[in-house]
Amino acid sequence: IFMGEKCPCVVYIPPGIFHGTKNIGNKISVVIGMPSLLYDPENVDERRVNPLDNDIIPYNWNCRME
């Protein structure tokens, strides 16, 4: 999904879906997360992986838009 100053948008990410953001512009980007439930450190309901070193997500974060 490409979004920006001239193309703002809202993205719904269902529970259990890995996701990340990458700024491909020259200006600072701002991403605002609005979870539907409060974070409960006693009952963590998320799974994190290293975005640069994993065998789950086949995405190269070092790729460049040219």
C-alpha atoms as a PDB file:
ATOM      1  CA  ILE A   1       0.000   0.000   0.000  1.00  0.00           C
ATOM      2  CA  PHE A   2       1.505   3.321  -0.998  1.00  0.00           C
ATOM      3  CA  MET A   3       0.270   6.254   1.042  1.00  0.00           C
ATOM      4  CA  GLY A   4       1.492   9.732   1.706  1.00  0.00           C
ATOM      5  CA  GLU A   5       0.805  13.422   1.953  1.00  0.00           C
ATOM      6  CA  LYS A   6      -1.290  13.394  -1.219  1.00  0.00           C
ATOM      7  CA  CYS A   7      -2.688   9.925  -0.647  1.00  0.00           C
ATOM      8  CA  PRO A   8      -3.615   9.500   3.037  1.00  0.00           C
ATOM      9  CA  CYS A   9      -5.482   6.342   3.971  1.00  0.00           C
ATOM     10  CA  VAL A  10      -6.689   4.127   6.769  1.00  0.00           C
ATOM     11  CA  VAL A  11      -5.534   0.500   6.824  1.00  0.00           C
ATOM     12  CA  TYR A  12      -7.246  -2.199   8.877  1.00  0.00           C
ATOM     13  CA  ILE A  13      -4.907  -5.025   9.887  1.00  0.00           C
ATOM     14  CA  PRO A  14      -6.739  -8.099  11.192  1.00  0.00           C
ATOM     15  CA  PRO A  15      -5.465  -9.855  14.329  1.00  0.00           C
ATOM     16  CA  GLY A  16      -2.644 -12.312  13.693  1.00  0.00           C
ATOM     17  CA  ILE A  17      -1.392 -10.619  10.510  1.00  0.00           C
ATOM     18  CA  PHE A  18       2.284  -9.634  10.439  1.00  0.00           C
ATOM     19  CA  HIS A  19       2.725  -6.044   9.288  1.00  0.00           C
ATOM     20  CA  GLY A  20       5.305  -3.303   9.090  1.00  0.00           C
ATOM     21  CA  THR A  21       5.929   0.096   7.569  1.00  0.00           C
ATOM     22  CA  LYS A  22       8.752   1.531   5.517  1.00  0.00           C
ATOM     23  CA  ASN A  23       9.303   5.173   4.613  1.00  0.00           C
ATOM     24  CA  ILE A  24      10.444   5.421   0.990  1.00  0.00           C
ATOM     25  CA  GLY A  25      10.356   9.217   0.843  1.00  0.00           C
ATOM     26  CA  ASN A  26      12.783  11.970   1.748  1.00  0.00           C
ATOM     27  CA  LYS A  27      10.624  13.509   4.483  1.00  0.00           C
ATOM     28  CA  ILE A  28       9.700  12.208   7.922  1.00  0.00           C
ATOM     29  CA  SER A  29       6.684   9.908   7.868  1.00  0.00           C
ATOM     30  CA  VAL A  30       4.157   9.451  10.648  1.00  0.00           C
ATOM     31  CA  VAL A  31       2.163   6.265  11.199  1.00  0.00           C
ATOM     32  CA  ILE A  32      -0.474   6.274  13.921  1.00  0.00           C
ATOM     33  CA  GLY A  33      -1.577   2.932  15.368  1.00  0.00           C
ATOM     34  CA  MET A  34      -5.054   2.693  16.849  1.00  0.00           C
ATOM     35  CA  PRO A  35      -5.536  -0.748  18.412  1.00  0.00           C
ATOM     36  CA  SER A  36      -9.070  -1.829  19.222  1.00  0.00           C
ATOM     37  CA  LEU A  37      -8.028  -3.267  22.608  1.00  0.00           C
ATOM     38  CA  LEU A  38      -5.755  -1.908  25.307  1.00  0.00           C
ATOM     39  CA  TYR A  39      -2.344  -3.575  25.564  1.00  0.00           C
ATOM     40  CA  ASP A  40      -2.214  -6.061  28.428  1.00  0.00           C
ATOM     41  CA  PRO A  41       1.401  -6.897  29.381  1.00  0.00           C
ATOM     42  CA  GLU A  42       0.126  -9.832  31.456  1.00  0.00           C
ATOM     43  CA  ASN A  43      -1.625 -11.375  28.458  1.00  0.00           C
ATOM     44  CA  VAL A  44       0.413 -10.545  25.355  1.00  0.00           C
ATOM     45  CA  ASP A  45      -1.563 -11.442  22.245  1.00  0.00           C
ATOM     46  CA  GLU A  46       1.059 -10.660  19.635  1.00  0.00           C
ATOM     47  CA  ARG A  47       3.986 -12.426  18.033  1.00  0.00           C
ATOM     48  CA  ARG A  48       7.038 -10.485  16.940  1.00  0.00           C
ATOM     49  CA  VAL A  49       9.714 -11.578  14.509  1.00  0.00           C
ATOM     50  CA  ASN A  50      12.943  -9.950  13.410  1.00  0.00           C
ATOM     51  CA  PRO A  51      11.947  -8.271  10.119  1.00  0.00           C
ATOM     52  CA  LEU A  52      15.451  -8.653   8.684  1.00  0.00           C
ATOM     53  CA  ASP A  53      16.176 -12.216   9.755  1.00  0.00           C
ATOM     54  CA  ASN A  54      13.297 -14.694   9.693  1.00  0.00           C
ATOM     55  CA  ASP A  55      11.974 -17.548   7.588  1.00  0.00           C
ATOM     56  CA  ILE A  56       8.301 -16.564   7.901  1.00  0.00           C
ATOM     57  CA  ILE A  57       7.973 -13.360   5.874  1.00  0.00           C
ATOM     58  CA  PRO A  58       9.521 -13.433   2.376  1.00  0.00           C
ATOM     59  CA  TYR A  59      10.162  -9.688   2.084  1.00  0.00           C
ATOM     60  CA  ASN A  60      13.407  -7.846   1.495  1.00  0.00           C
ATOM     61  CA  TRP A  61      13.257  -4.634   3.562  1.00  0.00           C
ATOM     62  CA  ASN A  62      16.431  -3.445   1.831  1.00  0.00           C
ATOM     63  CA  CYS A  63      14.805  -3.258  -1.616  1.00  0.00           C
ATOM     64  CA  ARG A  64      14.678   0.235  -3.118  1.00  0.00           C
ATOM     65  CA  MET A  65      12.061   1.920  -5.269  1.00  0.00           C
ATOM     66  CA  GLU A  66      13.783   3.091  -8.465  1.00  0.00           C
END
